[in-house]
Amino acid sequence: MAVPLMPKSTAAWLVDNTTLSFEQIANFCHLHVLEIQAMADGDVNMLGINPVAQGQLTQDEIELCQKDPTRSLTLLGESNEKYRRSPGARYVPIAKRQDKPDAVIWLLRHHAELSDAQIIKLVGTTKNTIEKIRTRNHWNIQHIHPRSPIEMGLCTQDEIDMEVGKHAAS
């Protein structure tokens, strides 16, 4: 389900600059009709963002929907591709960062076939940490206990299966 970039700001702009119905705007921005009505009443002050300038809508689409209140706005397909986050390092909350060595030792014991790069991708740790855990030179080695990274929320079972499958295929 495609959602416009910054839906509330997009809705605020549509309320201020078009004659679309609240239902049309709510359906397009995936918001409740009462939120749209609050924006129109001035209860919610928000800077609007032009979806046409952002490449999320065309002016023709807005005009067609203004003429036909039963018609729904459709998001242009390529607009979300432009803002999609690249699959890279994921943010791990500070509270879970001390759990990474536990996940590393679990992966080393249960999936010894995984390379360091695959473990780094799954858990988000460093090669240096993996090596220190392998050689038992980690500064906190006496308090590291194997725990599943899935249960700790560091990765999913599908991600582990995919990495194990890559190793099996090679």
Protein backbone atom coordinates (compact mmCIF):
# COMPACT_ATOMS: atom_id res chain seq x y z
CA MET A 1 0.00 0.00 0.00
CA ALA A 2 1.68 3.18 -1.20
CA VAL A 3 1.58 6.16 1.12
CA PRO A 4 2.62 9.66 0.08
CA LEU A 5 5.75 11.15 1.54
CA MET A 6 4.83 13.06 4.73
CA PRO A 7 1.08 12.31 4.52
CA LYS A 8 -0.08 14.97 7.01
CA SER A 9 1.81 17.75 5.24
CA THR A 10 0.50 16.51 1.90
CA ALA A 11 -3.03 16.48 3.30
CA ALA A 12 -2.60 20.02 4.64
CA TRP A 13 -1.57 21.24 1.19
CA LEU A 14 -4.48 19.45 -0.50
CA VAL A 15 -6.94 20.96 2.00
CA ASP A 16 -5.58 24.48 1.44
CA ASN A 17 -5.12 24.36 -2.34
CA THR A 18 -7.80 22.09 -3.79
CA THR A 19 -11.52 21.51 -3.60
CA LEU A 20 -11.16 17.77 -3.04
CA SER A 21 -13.51 16.16 -0.52
CA PHE A 22 -12.24 15.22 2.92
CA GLU A 23 -12.82 11.55 2.06
CA GLN A 24 -10.67 11.78 -1.08
CA ILE A 25 -7.82 13.42 0.83
CA ALA A 26 -8.16 11.00 3.76
CA ASN A 27 -8.08 7.97 1.44
CA PHE A 28 -5.07 9.27 -0.47
CA CYS A 29 -3.05 10.18 2.64
CA HIS A 30 -4.23 7.19 4.72
CA LEU A 31 -5.54 9.44 7.47
CA HIS A 32 -8.90 9.64 9.24
CA VAL A 33 -11.52 12.00 7.84
CA LEU A 34 -11.66 13.81 11.20
CA GLU A 35 -7.94 14.61 10.95
CA ILE A 36 -8.58 16.19 7.56
CA GLN A 37 -11.54 18.13 8.95
CA ALA A 38 -9.40 19.40 11.84
CA MET A 39 -6.84 20.66 9.33
CA ALA A 40 -9.59 22.43 7.39
CA ASP A 41 -11.01 23.98 10.57
CA GLY A 42 -7.58 25.32 11.51
CA ASP A 43 -7.26 23.15 14.64
CA VAL A 44 -4.08 21.61 13.28
CA ASN A 45 -1.43 24.02 12.03
CA MET A 46 0.89 22.26 9.65
CA LEU A 47 3.04 23.41 6.78
CA GLY A 48 1.76 21.87 3.58
CA ILE A 49 3.94 20.14 1.00
CA ASN A 50 2.95 20.25 -2.66
CA PRO A 51 2.54 16.63 -3.87
CA VAL A 52 2.74 17.79 -7.50
CA ALA A 53 6.16 19.37 -6.93
CA GLN A 54 7.27 16.23 -5.07
CA GLY A 55 6.26 14.05 -8.02
CA GLN A 56 3.60 12.17 -6.07
CA LEU A 57 0.59 13.46 -8.04
CA THR A 58 -0.12 15.21 -11.31
CA GLN A 59 -2.20 18.36 -11.62
CA ASP A 60 -4.40 16.52 -14.11
CA GLU A 61 -5.15 13.83 -11.51
CA ILE A 62 -6.16 16.49 -8.97
CA GLU A 63 -8.41 18.23 -11.49
CA LEU A 64 -10.10 14.94 -12.47
CA CYS A 65 -10.79 14.13 -8.83
CA GLN A 66 -12.12 17.63 -8.17
CA LYS A 67 -14.65 17.15 -10.98
CA ASP A 68 -15.66 13.63 -9.84
CA PRO A 69 -16.01 13.31 -6.03
CA THR A 70 -16.28 9.51 -6.27
CA ARG A 71 -12.87 9.18 -7.89
CA SER A 72 -9.81 8.42 -5.74
CA LEU A 73 -6.41 10.03 -6.05
CA THR A 74 -3.67 7.63 -7.10
CA LEU A 75 -0.05 7.99 -6.09
CA LEU A 76 2.47 8.00 -8.90
CA GLY A 77 4.46 4.75 -8.71
CA GLU A 78 7.97 6.11 -9.07
CA SER A 79 7.71 8.65 -6.25
CA ASN A 80 8.22 6.12 -3.44
CA GLU A 81 11.21 4.59 -5.25
CA LYS A 82 13.00 7.92 -5.08
CA TYR A 83 12.76 8.02 -1.28
CA ARG A 84 13.15 4.32 -0.46
CA ARG A 85 15.82 3.68 2.13
CA SER A 86 18.74 1.63 0.91
CA PRO A 87 19.29 -1.70 2.63
CA GLY A 88 22.28 -0.84 4.75
CA ALA A 89 23.12 -0.59 8.40
CA ARG A 90 20.07 -0.58 10.60
CA TYR A 91 19.65 1.50 13.71
CA VAL A 92 19.80 -0.57 16.88
CA PRO A 93 18.56 1.09 20.07
CA ILE A 94 21.15 1.69 22.79
CA ALA A 95 19.37 -0.75 25.08
CA LYS A 96 19.90 -3.60 22.58
CA ARG A 97 23.51 -2.85 21.64
CA GLN A 98 24.93 -4.86 24.55
CA ASP A 99 22.95 -7.84 23.23
CA LYS A 100 24.93 -8.04 20.00
CA PRO A 101 27.77 -10.20 21.41
CA ASP A 102 25.16 -12.67 22.72
CA ALA A 103 23.67 -12.88 19.24
CA VAL A 104 27.12 -13.29 17.65
CA ILE A 105 28.06 -16.23 19.87
CA TRP A 106 24.63 -17.81 19.20
CA LEU A 107 25.15 -17.51 15.45
CA LEU A 108 28.70 -18.90 15.73
CA ARG A 109 27.41 -21.94 17.62
CA HIS A 110 24.24 -22.64 15.63
CA HIS A 111 25.32 -21.51 12.16
CA ALA A 112 29.08 -21.91 12.06
CA GLU A 113 28.93 -21.95 8.26
CA LEU A 114 28.08 -18.23 8.14
CA SER A 115 30.89 -15.89 7.14
CA ASP A 116 31.86 -12.86 9.18
CA ALA A 117 30.26 -10.61 6.57
CA GLN A 118 26.96 -12.46 6.88
CA ILE A 119 27.01 -12.18 10.68
CA ILE A 120 27.83 -8.48 10.39
CA LYS A 121 24.84 -8.04 8.07
CA LEU A 122 22.48 -9.97 10.34
CA VAL A 123 23.44 -8.50 13.71
CA GLY A 124 25.05 -5.20 12.80
CA THR A 125 28.32 -5.75 14.59
CA THR A 126 31.96 -5.39 13.57
CA LYS A 127 34.48 -7.90 12.29
CA ASN A 128 36.73 -7.03 15.22
CA THR A 129 33.99 -7.97 17.73
CA ILE A 130 33.36 -11.30 15.98
CA GLU A 131 37.07 -12.15 16.00
CA LYS A 132 37.41 -11.26 19.70
CA ILE A 133 34.42 -13.45 20.57
CA ARG A 134 35.85 -16.35 18.50
CA THR A 135 39.23 -16.11 20.25
CA ARG A 136 37.55 -15.44 23.63
CA ASN A 137 39.42 -12.13 24.01
CA HIS A 138 36.30 -9.96 24.23
CA TRP A 139 36.43 -7.61 27.23
CA ASN A 140 33.11 -8.95 28.54
CA ILE A 141 33.47 -12.61 27.53
CA GLN A 142 32.53 -13.98 30.99
CA HIS A 143 29.09 -12.32 30.71
CA ILE A 144 28.34 -13.29 27.11
CA HIS A 145 25.71 -16.02 26.85
CA PRO A 146 24.32 -17.35 23.56
CA ARG A 147 20.89 -15.88 22.87
CA SER A 148 18.93 -15.97 19.66
CA PRO A 149 19.10 -12.71 17.67
CA ILE A 150 15.52 -13.38 16.58
CA GLU A 151 14.22 -13.30 20.14
CA MET A 152 16.20 -10.12 20.81
CA GLY A 153 14.79 -8.43 17.72
CA LEU A 154 18.12 -7.94 15.95
CA CYS A 155 17.05 -9.89 12.84
CA THR A 156 14.30 -12.19 11.59
CA GLN A 157 14.24 -15.92 10.91
CA ASP A 158 13.77 -15.18 7.22
CA GLU A 159 16.98 -13.13 7.15
CA ILE A 160 18.92 -15.95 8.82
CA ASP A 161 17.42 -18.52 6.45
CA MET A 162 18.34 -16.35 3.46
CA GLU A 163 21.96 -16.00 4.60
CA VAL A 164 22.24 -19.75 5.33
CA GLY A 165 20.69 -20.44 1.92
CA LYS A 166 23.28 -18.22 0.23
CA HIS A 167 26.05 -20.21 1.89
CA ALA A 168 24.45 -23.54 0.90
CA ALA A 169 24.11 -22.38 -2.72
CA SER A 170 27.79 -21.52 -3.01
